[in-house]
Amino acid sequence: MADESFFERVYAVARLIPYGRVTSYGAIAKFIGAARSARMVGYAMNGSIEREDIAAHRVVNRNGLLTGKDHFCGSRIMEQLLESEGVEVENNQVKHFKTLFWDPSEELNREDFIQ
């Protein structure tokens, strides 16, 4: 995957976020070797909203806030998608964030993504 663009590496990780779990922009950035690029991961997620193969709703900020919600068609779509997977959201924040957090650095082999 070393030849792929930054966005494609982000999307490859985002496709693997398990149903009913969430991760953060920063966790993805760190995993793909661009630790200071959480904002760029956010841009990538914004560009993936229309893609059915990427669950952008599962990517939130480092505190579990639904900071990307305004990029979905409808003010509550991100929240509704998470809730349909059993993720509780209150005041635009994932409840039990630490329990539901999926860390790609712990779950995936980085060598498969970066060479």
N, C-alpha and C. Protein backbone atom coordinates (compact mmCIF):
# COMPACT_ATOMS: atom_id res chain seq x y z
N MET A 1 0.80 -1.20 0.00
CA MET A 1 0.00 0.00 0.00
C MET A 1 0.85 1.26 0.00
N ALA A 2 2.13 1.13 -0.08
CA ALA A 2 3.01 2.29 0.02
C ALA A 2 2.80 3.29 -1.11
N ASP A 3 2.31 2.86 -2.27
CA ASP A 3 2.10 3.74 -3.40
C ASP A 3 0.79 4.51 -3.35
N GLU A 4 -0.08 4.16 -2.42
CA GLU A 4 -1.39 4.79 -2.36
C GLU A 4 -1.30 6.19 -1.75
N SER A 5 -2.25 6.99 -2.09
CA SER A 5 -2.31 8.35 -1.56
C SER A 5 -2.66 8.32 -0.07
N PHE A 6 -2.43 9.44 0.58
CA PHE A 6 -2.78 9.58 1.99
C PHE A 6 -4.24 9.22 2.23
N PHE A 7 -5.13 9.80 1.43
CA PHE A 7 -6.56 9.53 1.60
C PHE A 7 -6.86 8.05 1.46
N GLU A 8 -6.26 7.39 0.49
CA GLU A 8 -6.54 5.96 0.29
C GLU A 8 -6.04 5.13 1.47
N ARG A 9 -4.93 5.53 2.08
CA ARG A 9 -4.47 4.82 3.28
C ARG A 9 -5.45 5.02 4.42
N VAL A 10 -5.97 6.25 4.55
CA VAL A 10 -6.98 6.53 5.57
C VAL A 10 -8.21 5.66 5.33
N TYR A 11 -8.67 5.61 4.09
CA TYR A 11 -9.86 4.83 3.76
C TYR A 11 -9.65 3.35 4.03
N ALA A 12 -8.46 2.84 3.76
CA ALA A 12 -8.16 1.43 4.00
C ALA A 12 -8.32 1.09 5.48
N VAL A 13 -7.88 1.98 6.35
CA VAL A 13 -8.04 1.76 7.79
C VAL A 13 -9.50 1.92 8.19
N ALA A 14 -10.14 2.96 7.70
CA ALA A 14 -11.54 3.23 8.07
C ALA A 14 -12.47 2.08 7.68
N ARG A 15 -12.16 1.40 6.59
CA ARG A 15 -12.99 0.26 6.18
C ARG A 15 -12.96 -0.87 7.20
N LEU A 16 -11.95 -0.89 8.03
CA LEU A 16 -11.76 -1.99 8.98
C LEU A 16 -12.30 -1.72 10.38
N ILE A 17 -12.83 -0.52 10.60
CA ILE A 17 -13.40 -0.21 11.92
C ILE A 17 -14.61 -1.11 12.13
N PRO A 18 -14.58 -1.89 13.19
CA PRO A 18 -15.69 -2.83 13.40
C PRO A 18 -17.03 -2.14 13.65
N TYR A 19 -18.07 -2.81 13.25
CA TYR A 19 -19.45 -2.40 13.51
C TYR A 19 -19.62 -2.18 15.00
N GLY A 20 -20.23 -1.06 15.38
CA GLY A 20 -20.49 -0.78 16.78
C GLY A 20 -19.29 -0.24 17.56
N ARG A 21 -18.22 0.09 16.86
CA ARG A 21 -17.01 0.64 17.49
C ARG A 21 -16.69 1.97 16.84
N VAL A 22 -15.85 2.76 17.47
CA VAL A 22 -15.43 4.05 16.92
C VAL A 22 -13.92 4.20 17.09
N THR A 23 -13.35 5.06 16.28
CA THR A 23 -11.95 5.43 16.42
C THR A 23 -11.85 6.93 16.23
N SER A 24 -10.64 7.46 16.34
CA SER A 24 -10.46 8.90 16.20
C SER A 24 -9.62 9.23 14.98
N TYR A 25 -9.73 10.47 14.57
CA TYR A 25 -8.92 10.97 13.45
C TYR A 25 -7.44 10.79 13.78
N GLY A 26 -7.08 11.13 15.01
CA GLY A 26 -5.68 11.03 15.43
C GLY A 26 -5.16 9.61 15.47
N ALA A 27 -6.00 8.66 15.88
CA ALA A 27 -5.58 7.26 15.93
C ALA A 27 -5.28 6.74 14.53
N ILE A 28 -6.09 7.14 13.57
CA ILE A 28 -5.84 6.73 12.18
C ILE A 28 -4.56 7.39 11.68
N ALA A 29 -4.42 8.68 11.94
CA ALA A 29 -3.23 9.40 11.48
C ALA A 29 -1.96 8.76 12.06
N LYS A 30 -1.97 8.49 13.34
CA LYS A 30 -0.81 7.87 13.98
C LYS A 30 -0.51 6.50 13.36
N PHE A 31 -1.54 5.72 13.14
CA PHE A 31 -1.36 4.38 12.60
C PHE A 31 -0.72 4.40 11.21
N ILE A 32 -1.13 5.34 10.37
CA ILE A 32 -0.57 5.36 9.01
C ILE A 32 0.75 6.11 8.92
N GLY A 33 1.30 6.51 10.09
CA GLY A 33 2.61 7.14 10.11
C GLY A 33 2.59 8.64 9.90
N ALA A 34 1.47 9.27 10.16
CA ALA A 34 1.33 10.72 9.98
C ALA A 34 0.69 11.30 11.24
N ALA A 35 1.33 11.09 12.38
CA ALA A 35 0.74 11.40 13.69
C ALA A 35 0.20 12.81 13.82
N ARG A 36 0.76 13.77 13.13
CA ARG A 36 0.30 15.16 13.26
C ARG A 36 -0.72 15.54 12.17
N SER A 37 -1.33 14.56 11.59
CA SER A 37 -2.23 14.82 10.46
C SER A 37 -3.67 14.45 10.74
N ALA A 38 -4.11 14.56 11.98
CA ALA A 38 -5.50 14.24 12.31
C ALA A 38 -6.48 15.08 11.50
N ARG A 39 -6.15 16.34 11.29
CA ARG A 39 -7.03 17.22 10.51
C ARG A 39 -7.16 16.72 9.07
N MET A 40 -6.07 16.23 8.51
CA MET A 40 -6.12 15.70 7.14
C MET A 40 -6.98 14.43 7.09
N VAL A 41 -6.93 13.63 8.15
CA VAL A 41 -7.80 12.45 8.22
C VAL A 41 -9.25 12.93 8.22
N GLY A 42 -9.53 14.02 8.91
CA GLY A 42 -10.87 14.60 8.91
C GLY A 42 -11.29 15.02 7.51
N TYR A 43 -10.38 15.63 6.77
CA TYR A 43 -10.69 16.01 5.39
C TYR A 43 -10.99 14.77 4.55
N ALA A 44 -10.22 13.72 4.78
CA ALA A 44 -10.46 12.47 4.04
C ALA A 44 -11.84 11.91 4.38
N MET A 45 -12.19 11.93 5.66
CA MET A 45 -13.51 11.43 6.06
C MET A 45 -14.62 12.28 5.45
N ASN A 46 -14.43 13.59 5.42
CA ASN A 46 -15.43 14.47 4.81
C ASN A 46 -15.65 14.10 3.35
N GLY A 47 -14.59 13.71 2.67
CA GLY A 47 -14.69 13.34 1.27
C GLY A 47 -15.23 11.94 1.03
N SER A 48 -15.43 11.19 2.11
CA SER A 48 -15.89 9.81 1.95
C SER A 48 -17.34 9.60 2.35
N ILE A 49 -18.01 10.66 2.75
CA ILE A 49 -19.38 10.55 3.25
C ILE A 49 -20.30 9.81 2.27
N GLU A 50 -20.14 10.08 1.00
CA GLU A 50 -21.02 9.49 -0.02
C GLU A 50 -20.65 8.04 -0.36
N ARG A 51 -19.46 7.62 0.06
CA ARG A 51 -18.99 6.27 -0.28
C ARG A 51 -19.56 5.25 0.70
N GLU A 52 -20.25 4.26 0.17
CA GLU A 52 -20.88 3.25 1.01
C GLU A 52 -19.88 2.27 1.61
N ASP A 53 -18.68 2.20 1.04
CA ASP A 53 -17.69 1.23 1.52
C ASP A 53 -16.87 1.76 2.70
N ILE A 54 -17.11 3.00 3.10
CA ILE A 54 -16.36 3.60 4.20
C ILE A 54 -17.34 4.12 5.24
N ALA A 55 -17.22 3.63 6.46
CA ALA A 55 -18.12 4.04 7.54
C ALA A 55 -17.55 5.26 8.25
N ALA A 56 -17.63 6.40 7.60
CA ALA A 56 -17.08 7.65 8.14
C ALA A 56 -17.72 8.03 9.47
N HIS A 57 -18.93 7.58 9.71
CA HIS A 57 -19.61 7.91 10.96
C HIS A 57 -18.92 7.30 12.18
N ARG A 58 -18.05 6.33 11.97
CA ARG A 58 -17.35 5.68 13.08
C ARG A 58 -16.08 6.41 13.48
N VAL A 59 -15.78 7.52 12.82
CA VAL A 59 -14.56 8.29 13.13
C VAL A 59 -14.98 9.59 13.80
N VAL A 60 -14.50 9.78 15.03
CA VAL A 60 -14.86 10.93 15.84
C VAL A 60 -13.58 11.61 16.36
N ASN A 61 -13.73 12.68 17.10
CA ASN A 61 -12.52 13.33 17.61
C ASN A 61 -11.98 12.57 18.82
N ARG A 62 -10.86 13.03 19.35
CA ARG A 62 -10.16 12.31 20.42
C ARG A 62 -10.94 12.22 21.72
N ASN A 63 -11.98 13.02 21.84
CA ASN A 63 -12.84 12.98 23.03
C ASN A 63 -14.18 12.29 22.78
N GLY A 64 -14.34 11.75 21.59
CA GLY A 64 -15.60 11.08 21.26
C GLY A 64 -16.67 12.00 20.73
N LEU A 65 -16.33 13.24 20.43
CA LEU A 65 -17.31 14.18 19.90
C LEU A 65 -17.55 13.94 18.41
N LEU A 66 -18.77 14.11 17.98
CA LEU A 66 -19.15 13.94 16.58
C LEU A 66 -18.83 15.21 15.81
N THR A 67 -17.57 15.54 15.69
CA THR A 67 -17.17 16.80 15.06
C THR A 67 -17.42 16.78 13.55
N GLY A 68 -17.58 15.63 12.95
CA GLY A 68 -17.82 15.56 11.51
C GLY A 68 -19.29 15.52 11.14
N LYS A 69 -20.17 15.67 12.11
CA LYS A 69 -21.61 15.50 11.86
C LYS A 69 -22.18 16.46 10.83
N ASP A 70 -21.62 17.64 10.72
CA ASP A 70 -22.15 18.63 9.78
C ASP A 70 -21.88 18.28 8.32
N HIS A 71 -21.04 17.31 8.09
CA HIS A 71 -20.72 16.92 6.72
C HIS A 71 -21.65 15.82 6.19
N PHE A 72 -22.52 15.32 7.04
CA PHE A 72 -23.50 14.33 6.63
C PHE A 72 -24.76 15.06 6.18
N CYS A 73 -25.51 14.46 5.29
CA CYS A 73 -26.76 15.06 4.81
C CYS A 73 -27.80 14.95 5.91
N GLY A 74 -27.95 15.98 6.68
CA GLY A 74 -28.88 15.98 7.80
C GLY A 74 -28.11 16.10 9.10
N SER A 75 -28.62 16.87 10.02
CA SER A 75 -27.88 17.19 11.23
C SER A 75 -27.71 16.02 12.20
N ARG A 76 -28.55 15.00 12.08
CA ARG A 76 -28.48 13.88 13.02
C ARG A 76 -28.08 12.57 12.36
N ILE A 77 -27.70 12.59 11.09
CA ILE A 77 -27.41 11.34 10.38
C ILE A 77 -26.26 10.58 11.02
N MET A 78 -25.17 11.26 11.34
CA MET A 78 -24.02 10.58 11.95
C MET A 78 -24.44 9.92 13.27
N GLU A 79 -25.16 10.65 14.08
CA GLU A 79 -25.65 10.12 15.35
C GLU A 79 -26.57 8.93 15.13
N GLN A 80 -27.48 9.03 14.17
CA GLN A 80 -28.42 7.95 13.90
C GLN A 80 -27.70 6.70 13.39
N LEU A 81 -26.68 6.88 12.55
CA LEU A 81 -25.92 5.73 12.05
C LEU A 81 -25.21 5.02 13.20
N LEU A 82 -24.62 5.79 14.10
CA LEU A 82 -23.96 5.19 15.26
C LEU A 82 -24.97 4.47 16.15
N GLU A 83 -26.09 5.12 16.40
CA GLU A 83 -27.10 4.51 17.26
C GLU A 83 -27.67 3.24 16.65
N SER A 84 -27.75 3.18 15.31
CA SER A 84 -28.24 1.97 14.65
C SER A 84 -27.29 0.79 14.85
N GLU A 85 -26.04 1.10 15.25
CA GLU A 85 -25.05 0.06 15.54
C GLU A 85 -24.93 -0.20 17.04
N GLY A 86 -25.80 0.43 17.83
CA GLY A 86 -25.79 0.22 19.26
C GLY A 86 -24.88 1.17 20.03
N VAL A 87 -24.32 2.17 19.35
CA VAL A 87 -23.46 3.16 20.00
C VAL A 87 -24.35 4.27 20.55
N GLU A 88 -24.27 4.48 21.85
CA GLU A 88 -25.06 5.54 22.47
C GLU A 88 -24.37 6.88 22.30
N VAL A 89 -25.17 7.89 21.93
CA VAL A 89 -24.66 9.24 21.74
C VAL A 89 -25.52 10.19 22.57
N GLU A 90 -24.85 11.06 23.30
CA GLU A 90 -25.55 12.06 24.10
C GLU A 90 -24.85 13.40 23.94
N ASN A 91 -25.60 14.42 23.56
CA ASN A 91 -25.04 15.76 23.34
C ASN A 91 -23.86 15.72 22.35
N ASN A 92 -24.06 15.00 21.26
CA ASN A 92 -23.06 14.89 20.19
C ASN A 92 -21.76 14.23 20.64
N GLN A 93 -21.82 13.40 21.67
CA GLN A 93 -20.64 12.71 22.15
C GLN A 93 -20.95 11.23 22.38
N VAL A 94 -20.02 10.38 21.97
CA VAL A 94 -20.17 8.94 22.16
C VAL A 94 -20.08 8.63 23.65
N LYS A 95 -21.13 7.98 24.16
CA LYS A 95 -21.09 7.52 25.55
C LYS A 95 -20.22 6.26 25.60
N HIS A 96 -19.53 6.07 26.69
CA HIS A 96 -18.66 4.90 26.86
C HIS A 96 -17.57 4.86 25.79
N PHE A 97 -17.09 6.06 25.45
CA PHE A 97 -16.10 6.19 24.37
C PHE A 97 -14.88 5.30 24.58
N LYS A 98 -14.33 5.29 25.77
CA LYS A 98 -13.12 4.49 26.02
C LYS A 98 -13.37 3.01 25.82
N THR A 99 -14.56 2.54 26.16
CA THR A 99 -14.91 1.14 25.99
C THR A 99 -15.10 0.78 24.51
N LEU A 100 -15.67 1.69 23.76
CA LEU A 100 -15.98 1.44 22.35
C LEU A 100 -14.83 1.80 21.41
N PHE A 101 -13.79 2.44 21.95
CA PHE A 101 -12.69 2.92 21.12
C PHE A 101 -11.93 1.75 20.50
N TRP A 102 -11.74 1.83 19.20
CA TRP A 102 -10.98 0.84 18.44
C TRP A 102 -9.68 1.50 18.01
N ASP A 103 -8.56 0.97 18.47
CA ASP A 103 -7.25 1.55 18.16
C ASP A 103 -6.59 0.71 17.07
N PRO A 104 -6.47 1.26 15.86
CA PRO A 104 -5.86 0.47 14.79
C PRO A 104 -4.43 0.05 15.10
N SER A 105 -3.72 0.82 15.93
CA SER A 105 -2.34 0.46 16.28
C SER A 105 -2.28 -0.82 17.12
N GLU A 106 -3.36 -1.13 17.80
CA GLU A 106 -3.43 -2.35 18.61
C GLU A 106 -4.06 -3.51 17.85
N GLU A 107 -4.86 -3.20 16.84
CA GLU A 107 -5.64 -4.23 16.16
C GLU A 107 -5.09 -4.66 14.80
N LEU A 108 -4.30 -3.80 14.18
CA LEU A 108 -3.84 -4.07 12.82
C LEU A 108 -2.31 -4.14 12.76
N ASN A 109 -1.82 -4.78 11.73
CA ASN A 109 -0.39 -4.85 11.48
C ASN A 109 0.00 -3.66 10.62
N ARG A 110 0.73 -2.74 11.20
CA ARG A 110 1.11 -1.51 10.49
C ARG A 110 1.90 -1.81 9.22
N GLU A 111 2.65 -2.87 9.21
CA GLU A 111 3.47 -3.23 8.04
C GLU A 111 2.62 -3.49 6.80
N ASP A 112 1.36 -3.84 6.99
CA ASP A 112 0.46 -4.06 5.87
C ASP A 112 0.03 -2.76 5.22
N PHE A 113 0.24 -1.63 5.93
CA PHE A 113 -0.22 -0.33 5.45
C PHE A 113 0.92 0.61 5.06
N ILE A 114 2.07 0.46 5.69
CA ILE A 114 3.20 1.36 5.45
C ILE A 114 4.43 0.51 5.12
N GLN A 115 5.15 0.93 4.11
CA GLN A 115 6.39 0.21 3.79
C GLN A 115 7.53 1.16 3.70
